[in-house]
């Protein structure tokens, strides 16, 4: 199922994001749950799903989160019957949160039957010390479920296919965007990542998880509705051509 991440149009209101997703034939929403009240108002979210006949399929924990916020979002997923929660890697300096994530999201200590997916972190801008925990790709081996971000792999100069094959049983969610030097979270097909062959490989391997489109606000043309619609349509068509229609 193809989802539109609210992070792509984060300067728009939720109603408008649902409108774009429905109009442009996305199949669901990935909700990045920040501190805006509407993002946490379950009744309002249910009204939007009903109004647009468009499900929220995944919740994502925002940057620089903590134990309490992450617990609250997992509880929110339980209340709404949402099967995926994406947890971003903690900051390297947040040792308490890092240890909580290790303990509670590992294969042996999972705190819920839902897929609580740790996201592979980007390179970050740390000069001496790393910015994020779990920066070594092998750190993900103990986690029950993984959300694979294609651009983050590029930022660490990791091979997309090899990482997918290494963690295939654990990968339950994919964030799809392109990249090239100096530009991140681009429209699929506009950068240098081998996303065509990657999507075809997913199809061949009968990948059943969600794929979320998360493009940088500037890259998608945020604020210019015509440009944004064109960019999001191009992303959907790329997914359809290389995933749905690949042989």
Foldseek 3Di string as FASTA:
>chain_A
DEEAECLQQVVDDPLVVLVLCLVLPGQAYEYAQDPDPCSQPLVNQVVSCVVSVHYHQEYEHDAQDADVSVVSVVVSCVVVVHQEYEYEFHFPPPVVRNVVCLQQQFPVHPPDPGNYAYEAAAQDDDDPDGGGPCVPVVSCVRGQAHEYEPQRCVNVPHQPVVSCVVCVVRYQHYEDAADDPPATLAQPPPHDHPVLVVLLVCQVVVRDHYYYRRGHNVRCPHPDVVSNSVSVSSSVVSNCVRHVVHD
